[in-house]
Amino acid sequence: MRPVIVAPPDLADGFRLAGIAVFEIESHEKIGEIVEQIRAMPDVGLVLVDERFMEGFERALGGSDLPMIASFPAEEVAREETYIDELTRRFLGQKIYVE
């Protein structure tokens, strides 16, 4: 199984240099088109999505075991808590404190 990246054009080339398949996205309107292309690739096991587009991809790809969907942080998004705190609260329902 291989990963694919869904990223804006300014980040896409960096991922391509690392040898990862990339789908460029600039607007939410392209989500459906990209999802169809990803579903046509049977060897994709992980889709890494710019967090600004994560909700749309979760809706479109949700309910299936593969591919798994994960997001990576976008610099443009302002948040009150650290990214990892936001993720753990979102997926586990609570914040984790480490001493």
PDB file of N, CA and C in Angstrom:
ATOM      1  N   MET A   1       0.838  -1.181   0.000  1.00  0.00           N
ATOM      2  CA  MET A   1       0.000   0.000   0.000  1.00  0.00           C
ATOM      3  C   MET A   1       0.882   1.242   0.000  1.00  0.00           C
ATOM      4  N   ARG A   2       0.452   2.233  -0.748  1.00  0.00           N
ATOM      5  CA  ARG A   2       1.247   3.462  -0.833  1.00  0.00           C
ATOM      6  C   ARG A   2       0.403   4.675  -0.454  1.00  0.00           C
ATOM      7  N   PRO A   3       1.072   5.750  -0.060  1.00  0.00           N
ATOM      8  CA  PRO A   3       0.359   6.980   0.294  1.00  0.00           C
ATOM      9  C   PRO A   3       0.208   7.901  -0.912  1.00  0.00           C
ATOM     10  N   VAL A   4      -0.766   8.775  -0.834  1.00  0.00           N
ATOM     11  CA  VAL A   4      -0.882   9.891  -1.769  1.00  0.00           C
ATOM     12  C   VAL A   4      -1.104  11.149  -0.941  1.00  0.00           C
ATOM     13  N   ILE A   5      -0.733  12.268  -1.518  1.00  0.00           N
ATOM     14  CA  ILE A   5      -0.853  13.564  -0.852  1.00  0.00           C
ATOM     15  C   ILE A   5      -1.844  14.424  -1.619  1.00  0.00           C
ATOM     16  N   VAL A   6      -2.687  15.145  -0.895  1.00  0.00           N
ATOM     17  CA  VAL A   6      -3.570  16.148  -1.487  1.00  0.00           C
ATOM     18  C   VAL A   6      -3.139  17.476  -0.880  1.00  0.00           C
ATOM     19  N   ALA A   7      -2.537  18.321  -1.724  1.00  0.00           N
ATOM     20  CA  ALA A   7      -1.929  19.552  -1.207  1.00  0.00           C
ATOM     21  C   ALA A   7      -2.095  20.691  -2.207  1.00  0.00           C
ATOM     22  N   PRO A   8      -2.010  21.926  -1.720  1.00  0.00           N
ATOM     23  CA  PRO A   8      -2.031  23.076  -2.625  1.00  0.00           C
ATOM     24  C   PRO A   8      -0.756  23.098  -3.472  1.00  0.00           C
ATOM     25  N   PRO A   9      -0.804  23.803  -4.595  1.00  0.00           N
ATOM     26  CA  PRO A   9       0.345  23.815  -5.515  1.00  0.00           C
ATOM     27  C   PRO A   9       1.669  24.233  -4.883  1.00  0.00           C
ATOM     28  N   ASP A  10       1.648  25.130  -3.904  1.00  0.00           N
ATOM     29  CA  ASP A  10       2.907  25.579  -3.313  1.00  0.00           C
ATOM     30  C   ASP A  10       3.608  24.498  -2.497  1.00  0.00           C
ATOM     31  N   LEU A  11       2.905  23.449  -2.095  1.00  0.00           N
ATOM     32  CA  LEU A  11       3.518  22.343  -1.362  1.00  0.00           C
ATOM     33  C   LEU A  11       3.711  21.095  -2.214  1.00  0.00           C
ATOM     34  N   ALA A  12       3.014  21.015  -3.329  1.00  0.00           N
ATOM     35  CA  ALA A  12       2.998  19.797  -4.134  1.00  0.00           C
ATOM     36  C   ALA A  12       4.378  19.381  -4.635  1.00  0.00           C
ATOM     37  N   ASP A  13       5.169  20.313  -5.110  1.00  0.00           N
ATOM     38  CA  ASP A  13       6.472  19.959  -5.671  1.00  0.00           C
ATOM     39  C   ASP A  13       7.399  19.330  -4.634  1.00  0.00           C
ATOM     40  N   GLY A  14       7.347  19.793  -3.413  1.00  0.00           N
ATOM     41  CA  GLY A  14       8.177  19.210  -2.355  1.00  0.00           C
ATOM     42  C   GLY A  14       7.851  17.743  -2.126  1.00  0.00           C
ATOM     43  N   PHE A  15       6.567  17.409  -2.128  1.00  0.00           N
ATOM     44  CA  PHE A  15       6.172  16.014  -1.961  1.00  0.00           C
ATOM     45  C   PHE A  15       6.561  15.186  -3.188  1.00  0.00           C
ATOM     46  N   ARG A  16       6.433  15.768  -4.360  1.00  0.00           N
ATOM     47  CA  ARG A  16       6.842  15.047  -5.572  1.00  0.00           C
ATOM     48  C   ARG A  16       8.329  14.719  -5.548  1.00  0.00           C
ATOM     49  N   LEU A  17       9.140  15.652  -5.057  1.00  0.00           N
ATOM     50  CA  LEU A  17      10.575  15.398  -4.954  1.00  0.00           C
ATOM     51  C   LEU A  17      10.863  14.231  -4.016  1.00  0.00           C
ATOM     52  N   ALA A  18       9.985  14.000  -3.064  1.00  0.00           N
ATOM     53  CA  ALA A  18      10.146  12.873  -2.146  1.00  0.00           C
ATOM     54  C   ALA A  18       9.641  11.566  -2.760  1.00  0.00           C
ATOM     55  N   GLY A  19       9.089  11.639  -3.967  1.00  0.00           N
ATOM     56  CA  GLY A  19       8.632  10.435  -4.658  1.00  0.00           C
ATOM     57  C   GLY A  19       7.228   9.998  -4.324  1.00  0.00           C
ATOM     58  N   ILE A  20       6.414  10.906  -3.792  1.00  0.00           N
ATOM     59  CA  ILE A  20       5.045  10.578  -3.406  1.00  0.00           C
ATOM     60  C   ILE A  20       4.083  11.133  -4.453  1.00  0.00           C
ATOM     61  N   ALA A  21       3.063  10.351  -4.787  1.00  0.00           N
ATOM     62  CA  ALA A  21       2.037  10.810  -5.726  1.00  0.00           C
ATOM     63  C   ALA A  21       1.272  11.966  -5.095  1.00  0.00           C
ATOM     64  N   VAL A  22       1.030  13.016  -5.880  1.00  0.00           N
ATOM     65  CA  VAL A  22       0.390  14.228  -5.367  1.00  0.00           C
ATOM     66  C   VAL A  22      -0.789  14.623  -6.239  1.00  0.00           C
ATOM     67  N   PHE A  23      -1.861  15.018  -5.573  1.00  0.00           N
ATOM     68  CA  PHE A  23      -2.997  15.641  -6.241  1.00  0.00           C
ATOM     69  C   PHE A  23      -3.039  17.083  -5.767  1.00  0.00           C
ATOM     70  N   GLU A  24      -2.997  18.004  -6.703  1.00  0.00           N
ATOM     71  CA  GLU A  24      -3.035  19.428  -6.335  1.00  0.00           C
ATOM     72  C   GLU A  24      -4.482  19.874  -6.164  1.00  0.00           C
ATOM     73  N   ILE A  25      -4.695  20.682  -5.130  1.00  0.00           N
ATOM     74  CA  ILE A  25      -6.037  21.186  -4.851  1.00  0.00           C
ATOM     75  C   ILE A  25      -5.945  22.649  -4.436  1.00  0.00           C
ATOM     76  N   GLU A  26      -6.864  23.443  -4.975  1.00  0.00           N
ATOM     77  CA  GLU A  26      -6.921  24.864  -4.616  1.00  0.00           C
ATOM     78  C   GLU A  26      -8.283  25.258  -4.077  1.00  0.00           C
ATOM     79  N   SER A  27      -9.306  24.428  -4.360  1.00  0.00           N
ATOM     80  CA  SER A  27     -10.645  24.760  -3.894  1.00  0.00           C
ATOM     81  C   SER A  27     -11.406  23.487  -3.540  1.00  0.00           C
ATOM     82  N   HIS A  28     -12.445  23.651  -2.743  1.00  0.00           N
ATOM     83  CA  HIS A  28     -13.256  22.516  -2.307  1.00  0.00           C
ATOM     84  C   HIS A  28     -14.014  21.872  -3.463  1.00  0.00           C
ATOM     85  N   GLU A  29     -14.204  22.575  -4.539  1.00  0.00           N
ATOM     86  CA  GLU A  29     -14.939  22.040  -5.682  1.00  0.00           C
ATOM     87  C   GLU A  29     -14.221  20.858  -6.338  1.00  0.00           C
ATOM     88  N   LYS A  30     -12.919  20.744  -6.164  1.00  0.00           N
ATOM     89  CA  LYS A  30     -12.145  19.661  -6.786  1.00  0.00           C
ATOM     90  C   LYS A  30     -12.125  18.379  -5.963  1.00  0.00           C
ATOM     91  N   ILE A  31     -12.708  18.392  -4.784  1.00  0.00           N
ATOM     92  CA  ILE A  31     -12.645  17.218  -3.915  1.00  0.00           C
ATOM     93  C   ILE A  31     -13.249  15.991  -4.581  1.00  0.00           C
ATOM     94  N   GLY A  32     -14.432  16.126  -5.154  1.00  0.00           N
ATOM     95  CA  GLY A  32     -15.095  14.984  -5.799  1.00  0.00           C
ATOM     96  C   GLY A  32     -14.263  14.375  -6.910  1.00  0.00           C
ATOM     97  N   GLU A  33     -13.674  15.208  -7.733  1.00  0.00           N
ATOM     98  CA  GLU A  33     -12.829  14.743  -8.841  1.00  0.00           C
ATOM     99  C   GLU A  33     -11.603  13.991  -8.314  1.00  0.00           C
ATOM    100  N   ILE A  34     -10.970  14.532  -7.294  1.00  0.00           N
ATOM    101  CA  ILE A  34      -9.777  13.897  -6.724  1.00  0.00           C
ATOM    102  C   ILE A  34     -10.137  12.577  -6.052  1.00  0.00           C
ATOM    103  N   VAL A  35     -11.263  12.525  -5.347  1.00  0.00           N
ATOM    104  CA  VAL A  35     -11.699  11.289  -4.694  1.00  0.00           C
ATOM    105  C   VAL A  35     -11.908  10.194  -5.732  1.00  0.00           C
ATOM    106  N   GLU A  36     -12.517  10.514  -6.847  1.00  0.00           N
ATOM    107  CA  GLU A  36     -12.721   9.516  -7.903  1.00  0.00           C
ATOM    108  C   GLU A  36     -11.393   8.992  -8.430  1.00  0.00           C
ATOM    109  N   GLN A  37     -10.410   9.859  -8.611  1.00  0.00           N
ATOM    110  CA  GLN A  37      -9.095   9.428  -9.081  1.00  0.00           C
ATOM    111  C   GLN A  37      -8.412   8.541  -8.048  1.00  0.00           C
ATOM    112  N   ILE A  38      -8.561   8.880  -6.778  1.00  0.00           N
ATOM    113  CA  ILE A  38      -7.954   8.067  -5.720  1.00  0.00           C
ATOM    114  C   ILE A  38      -8.616   6.691  -5.650  1.00  0.00           C
ATOM    115  N   ARG A  39      -9.926   6.642  -5.753  1.00  0.00           N
ATOM    116  CA  ARG A  39     -10.628   5.353  -5.719  1.00  0.00           C
ATOM    117  C   ARG A  39     -10.256   4.462  -6.897  1.00  0.00           C
ATOM    118  N   ALA A  40      -9.817   5.054  -7.999  1.00  0.00           N
ATOM    119  CA  ALA A  40      -9.401   4.279  -9.167  1.00  0.00           C
ATOM    120  C   ALA A  40      -8.005   3.682  -8.985  1.00  0.00           C
ATOM    121  N   MET A  41      -7.330   4.031  -7.908  1.00  0.00           N
ATOM    122  CA  MET A  41      -5.980   3.530  -7.620  1.00  0.00           C
ATOM    123  C   MET A  41      -6.082   2.498  -6.491  1.00  0.00           C
ATOM    124  N   PRO A  42      -6.131   1.208  -6.805  1.00  0.00           N
ATOM    125  CA  PRO A  42      -6.373   0.195  -5.773  1.00  0.00           C
ATOM    126  C   PRO A  42      -5.241   0.007  -4.768  1.00  0.00           C
ATOM    127  N   ASP A  43      -4.056   0.523  -5.062  1.00  0.00           N
ATOM    128  CA  ASP A  43      -2.921   0.323  -4.155  1.00  0.00           C
ATOM    129  C   ASP A  43      -2.730   1.457  -3.148  1.00  0.00           C
ATOM    130  N   VAL A  44      -3.637   2.420  -3.105  1.00  0.00           N
ATOM    131  CA  VAL A  44      -3.525   3.544  -2.165  1.00  0.00           C
ATOM    132  C   VAL A  44      -4.076   3.125  -0.806  1.00  0.00           C
ATOM    133  N   GLY A  45      -3.245   3.262   0.228  1.00  0.00           N
ATOM    134  CA  GLY A  45      -3.660   2.891   1.570  1.00  0.00           C
ATOM    135  C   GLY A  45      -3.799   4.071   2.514  1.00  0.00           C
ATOM    136  N   LEU A  46      -3.205   5.217   2.145  1.00  0.00           N
ATOM    137  CA  LEU A  46      -3.228   6.391   3.009  1.00  0.00           C
ATOM    138  C   LEU A  46      -3.325   7.650   2.156  1.00  0.00           C
ATOM    139  N   VAL A  47      -4.247   8.530   2.531  1.00  0.00           N
ATOM    140  CA  VAL A  47      -4.400   9.821   1.873  1.00  0.00           C
ATOM    141  C   VAL A  47      -4.090  10.896   2.899  1.00  0.00           C
ATOM    142  N   LEU A  48      -3.032  11.664   2.668  1.00  0.00           N
ATOM    143  CA  LEU A  48      -2.676  12.786   3.537  1.00  0.00           C
ATOM    144  C   LEU A  48      -3.209  14.060   2.902  1.00  0.00           C
ATOM    145  N   VAL A  49      -4.026  14.781   3.635  1.00  0.00           N
ATOM    146  CA  VAL A  49      -4.758  15.929   3.103  1.00  0.00           C
ATOM    147  C   VAL A  49      -4.408  17.185   3.883  1.00  0.00           C
ATOM    148  N   ASP A  50      -4.226  18.290   3.166  1.00  0.00           N
ATOM    149  CA  ASP A  50      -4.086  19.597   3.804  1.00  0.00           C
ATOM    150  C   ASP A  50      -5.312  19.801   4.689  1.00  0.00           C
ATOM    151  N   GLU A  51      -5.115  20.210   5.931  1.00  0.00           N
ATOM    152  CA  GLU A  51      -6.219  20.265   6.894  1.00  0.00           C
ATOM    153  C   GLU A  51      -7.371  21.158   6.469  1.00  0.00           C
ATOM    154  N   ARG A  52      -7.135  22.119   5.583  1.00  0.00           N
ATOM    155  CA  ARG A  52      -8.218  22.994   5.131  1.00  0.00           C
ATOM    156  C   ARG A  52      -9.255  22.232   4.313  1.00  0.00           C
ATOM    157  N   PHE A  53      -8.877  21.069   3.760  1.00  0.00           N
ATOM    158  CA  PHE A  53      -9.783  20.290   2.923  1.00  0.00           C
ATOM    159  C   PHE A  53     -10.192  18.969   3.577  1.00  0.00           C
ATOM    160  N   MET A  54      -9.771  18.742   4.800  1.00  0.00           N
ATOM    161  CA  MET A  54      -9.983  17.463   5.470  1.00  0.00           C
ATOM    162  C   MET A  54     -11.450  17.096   5.620  1.00  0.00           C
ATOM    163  N   GLU A  55     -12.283  18.026   6.018  1.00  0.00           N
ATOM    164  CA  GLU A  55     -13.693  17.717   6.255  1.00  0.00           C
ATOM    165  C   GLU A  55     -14.367  17.165   4.999  1.00  0.00           C
ATOM    166  N   GLY A  56     -14.088  17.766   3.859  1.00  0.00           N
ATOM    167  CA  GLY A  56     -14.675  17.294   2.608  1.00  0.00           C
ATOM    168  C   GLY A  56     -14.205  15.894   2.235  1.00  0.00           C
ATOM    169  N   PHE A  57     -12.938  15.604   2.467  1.00  0.00           N
ATOM    170  CA  PHE A  57     -12.414  14.271   2.169  1.00  0.00           C
ATOM    171  C   PHE A  57     -12.944  13.231   3.145  1.00  0.00           C
ATOM    172  N   GLU A  58     -13.125  13.595   4.395  1.00  0.00           N
ATOM    173  CA  GLU A  58     -13.710  12.663   5.364  1.00  0.00           C
ATOM    174  C   GLU A  58     -15.126  12.276   4.951  1.00  0.00           C
ATOM    175  N   ARG A  59     -15.896  13.248   4.490  1.00  0.00           N
ATOM    176  CA  ARG A  59     -17.259  12.952   4.031  1.00  0.00           C
ATOM    177  C   ARG A  59     -17.237  12.073   2.794  1.00  0.00           C
ATOM    178  N   ALA A  60     -16.345  12.388   1.838  1.00  0.00           N
ATOM    179  CA  ALA A  60     -16.317  11.666   0.570  1.00  0.00           C
ATOM    180  C   ALA A  60     -15.746  10.255   0.703  1.00  0.00           C
ATOM    181  N   LEU A  61     -14.755  10.074   1.550  1.00  0.00           N
ATOM    182  CA  LEU A  61     -14.109   8.764   1.686  1.00  0.00           C
ATOM    183  C   LEU A  61     -14.514   8.034   2.955  1.00  0.00           C
ATOM    184  N   GLY A  62     -15.319   8.653   3.781  1.00  0.00           N
ATOM    185  CA  GLY A  62     -15.716   8.051   5.043  1.00  0.00           C
ATOM    186  C   GLY A  62     -16.515   6.773   4.854  1.00  0.00           C
ATOM    187  N   GLY A  63     -16.432   5.914   5.862  1.00  0.00           N
ATOM    188  CA  GLY A  63     -17.186   4.675   5.815  1.00  0.00           C
ATOM    189  C   GLY A  63     -16.430   3.512   5.200  1.00  0.00           C
ATOM    190  N   SER A  64     -15.287   3.746   4.607  1.00  0.00           N
ATOM    191  CA  SER A  64     -14.505   2.650   4.045  1.00  0.00           C
ATOM    192  C   SER A  64     -13.234   2.456   4.865  1.00  0.00           C
ATOM    193  N   ASP A  65     -12.772   1.220   4.917  1.00  0.00           N
ATOM    194  CA  ASP A  65     -11.562   0.922   5.690  1.00  0.00           C
ATOM    195  C   ASP A  65     -10.316   1.492   5.031  1.00  0.00           C
ATOM    196  N   LEU A  66     -10.242   1.401   3.731  1.00  0.00           N
ATOM    197  CA  LEU A  66      -9.099   1.933   2.985  1.00  0.00           C
ATOM    198  C   LEU A  66      -9.606   2.792   1.854  1.00  0.00           C
ATOM    199  N   PRO A  67      -8.949   3.827   1.528  1.00  0.00           N
ATOM    200  CA  PRO A  67      -7.739   4.320   2.158  1.00  0.00           C
ATOM    201  C   PRO A  67      -8.038   5.050   3.462  1.00  0.00           C
ATOM    202  N   MET A  68      -7.057   5.031   4.349  1.00  0.00           N
ATOM    203  CA  MET A  68      -7.145   5.818   5.578  1.00  0.00           C
ATOM    204  C   MET A  68      -6.908   7.279   5.219  1.00  0.00           C
ATOM    205  N   ILE A  69      -7.479   8.181   5.990  1.00  0.00           N
ATOM    206  CA  ILE A  69      -7.338   9.609   5.732  1.00  0.00           C
ATOM    207  C   ILE A  69      -6.712  10.270   6.954  1.00  0.00           C
ATOM    208  N   ALA A  70      -5.722  11.107   6.703  1.00  0.00           N
ATOM    209  CA  ALA A  70      -5.087  11.877   7.775  1.00  0.00           C
ATOM    210  C   ALA A  70      -4.787  13.265   7.229  1.00  0.00           C
ATOM    211  N   SER A  71      -4.667  14.231   8.118  1.00  0.00           N
ATOM    212  CA  SER A  71      -4.380  15.594   7.673  1.00  0.00           C
ATOM    213  C   SER A  71      -3.016  16.038   8.154  1.00  0.00           C
ATOM    214  N   PHE A  72      -2.500  17.039   7.478  1.00  0.00           N
ATOM    215  CA  PHE A  72      -1.286  17.709   7.947  1.00  0.00           C
ATOM    216  C   PHE A  72      -1.614  19.186   8.098  1.00  0.00           C
ATOM    217  N   PRO A  73      -0.962  19.873   9.032  1.00  0.00           N
ATOM    218  CA  PRO A  73      -1.343  21.256   9.344  1.00  0.00           C
ATOM    219  C   PRO A  73      -1.033  22.232   8.215  1.00  0.00           C
ATOM    220  N   ALA A  74      -1.894  23.223   8.110  1.00  0.00           N
ATOM    221  CA  ALA A  74      -1.692  24.312   7.165  1.00  0.00           C
ATOM    222  C   ALA A  74      -1.277  25.552   7.943  1.00  0.00           C
ATOM    223  N   GLU A  75      -0.303  26.260   7.442  1.00  0.00           N
ATOM    224  CA  GLU A  75       0.192  27.449   8.137  1.00  0.00           C
ATOM    225  C   GLU A  75      -0.869  28.537   8.256  1.00  0.00           C
ATOM    226  N   GLU A  76      -1.767  28.602   7.285  1.00  0.00           N
ATOM    227  CA  GLU A  76      -2.748  29.682   7.246  1.00  0.00           C
ATOM    228  C   GLU A  76      -3.845  29.550   8.288  1.00  0.00           C
ATOM    229  N   VAL A  77      -3.969  28.382   8.913  1.00  0.00           N
ATOM    230  CA  VAL A  77      -5.048  28.146   9.854  1.00  0.00           C
ATOM    231  C   VAL A  77      -4.625  28.600  11.246  1.00  0.00           C
ATOM    232  N   ALA A  78      -5.397  29.509  11.811  1.00  0.00           N
ATOM    233  CA  ALA A  78      -5.125  29.987  13.175  1.00  0.00           C
ATOM    234  C   ALA A  78      -5.849  29.067  14.147  1.00  0.00           C
ATOM    235  N   ARG A  79      -5.194  28.718  15.233  1.00  0.00           N
ATOM    236  CA  ARG A  79      -5.817  27.832  16.215  1.00  0.00           C
ATOM    237  C   ARG A  79      -5.471  28.282  17.621  1.00  0.00           C
ATOM    238  N   GLU A  80      -6.357  27.939  18.537  1.00  0.00           N
ATOM    239  CA  GLU A  80      -6.160  28.324  19.930  1.00  0.00           C
ATOM    240  C   GLU A  80      -5.259  27.356  20.670  1.00  0.00           C
ATOM    241  N   GLU A  81      -5.186  26.115  20.210  1.00  0.00           N
ATOM    242  CA  GLU A  81      -4.363  25.112  20.860  1.00  0.00           C
ATOM    243  C   GLU A  81      -3.394  24.511  19.845  1.00  0.00           C
ATOM    244  N   THR A  82      -2.403  23.775  20.320  1.00  0.00           N
ATOM    245  CA  THR A  82      -1.446  23.175  19.395  1.00  0.00           C
ATOM    246  C   THR A  82      -2.150  22.157  18.519  1.00  0.00           C
ATOM    247  N   TYR A  83      -1.568  21.891  17.368  1.00  0.00           N
ATOM    248  CA  TYR A  83      -2.188  20.989  16.392  1.00  0.00           C
ATOM    249  C   TYR A  83      -2.410  19.602  16.976  1.00  0.00           C
ATOM    250  N   ILE A  84      -1.425  19.058  17.676  1.00  0.00           N
ATOM    251  CA  ILE A  84      -1.571  17.713  18.235  1.00  0.00           C
ATOM    252  C   ILE A  84      -2.646  17.678  19.316  1.00  0.00           C
ATOM    253  N   ASP A  85      -2.770  18.750  20.101  1.00  0.00           N
ATOM    254  CA  ASP A  85      -3.834  18.815  21.107  1.00  0.00           C
ATOM    255  C   ASP A  85      -5.202  18.837  20.434  1.00  0.00           C
ATOM    256  N   GLU A  86      -5.301  19.581  19.359  1.00  0.00           N
ATOM    257  CA  GLU A  86      -6.565  19.656  18.624  1.00  0.00           C
ATOM    258  C   GLU A  86      -6.942  18.288  18.064  1.00  0.00           C
ATOM    259  N   LEU A  87      -5.971  17.564  17.506  1.00  0.00           N
ATOM    260  CA  LEU A  87      -6.253  16.239  16.943  1.00  0.00           C
ATOM    261  C   LEU A  87      -6.674  15.245  18.016  1.00  0.00           C
ATOM    262  N   THR A  88      -5.959  15.200  19.130  1.00  0.00           N
ATOM    263  CA  THR A  88      -6.324  14.235  20.176  1.00  0.00           C
ATOM    264  C   THR A  88      -7.687  14.554  20.772  1.00  0.00           C
ATOM    265  N   ARG A  89      -7.978  15.818  20.945  1.00  0.00           N
ATOM    266  CA  ARG A  89      -9.303  16.189  21.467  1.00  0.00           C
ATOM    267  C   ARG A  89     -10.388  15.807  20.469  1.00  0.00           C
ATOM    268  N   ARG A  90     -10.116  16.016  19.190  1.00  0.00           N
ATOM    269  CA  ARG A  90     -11.116  15.730  18.152  1.00  0.00           C
ATOM    270  C   ARG A  90     -11.390  14.235  18.023  1.00  0.00           C
ATOM    271  N   PHE A  91     -10.348  13.413  18.018  1.00  0.00           N
ATOM    272  CA  PHE A  91     -10.533  11.992  17.756  1.00  0.00           C
ATOM    273  C   PHE A  91     -10.728  11.153  19.009  1.00  0.00           C
ATOM    274  N   LEU A  92     -10.212  11.606  20.154  1.00  0.00           N
ATOM    275  CA  LEU A  92     -10.378  10.847  21.394  1.00  0.00           C
ATOM    276  C   LEU A  92     -11.433  11.448  22.301  1.00  0.00           C
ATOM    277  N   GLY A  93     -11.811  12.684  22.025  1.00  0.00           N
ATOM    278  CA  GLY A  93     -12.842  13.336  22.822  1.00  0.00           C
ATOM    279  C   GLY A  93     -12.321  14.039  24.060  1.00  0.00           C
ATOM    280  N   GLN A  94     -11.023  14.027  24.256  1.00  0.00           N
ATOM    281  CA  GLN A  94     -10.457  14.730  25.405  1.00  0.00           C
ATOM    282  C   GLN A  94      -9.005  15.085  25.135  1.00  0.00           C
ATOM    283  N   LYS A  95      -8.521  16.033  25.894  1.00  0.00           N
ATOM    284  CA  LYS A  95      -7.146  16.460  25.765  1.00  0.00           C
ATOM    285  C   LYS A  95      -6.277  15.569  26.634  1.00  0.00           C
ATOM    286  N   ILE A  96      -5.087  15.246  26.160  1.00  0.00           N
ATOM    287  CA  ILE A  96      -4.168  14.402  26.898  1.00  0.00           C
ATOM    288  C   ILE A  96      -3.074  15.274  27.475  1.00  0.00           C
ATOM    289  N   TYR A  97      -2.824  15.121  28.760  1.00  0.00           N
ATOM    290  CA  TYR A  97      -1.768  15.884  29.430  1.00  0.00           C
ATOM    291  C   TYR A  97      -0.614  14.935  29.748  1.00  0.00           C
ATOM    292  N   VAL A  98       0.591  15.370  29.433  1.00  0.00           N
ATOM    293  CA  VAL A  98       1.796  14.583  29.719  1.00  0.00           C
ATOM    294  C   VAL A  98       2.691  15.404  30.612  1.00  0.00           C
ATOM    295  N   GLU A  99       3.135  14.803  31.704  1.00  0.00           N
ATOM    296  CA  GLU A  99       4.016  15.519  32.636  1.00  0.00           C
ATOM    297  C   GLU A  99       5.439  15.086  32.429  1.00  0.00           C
TER     298      GLU A  99
END
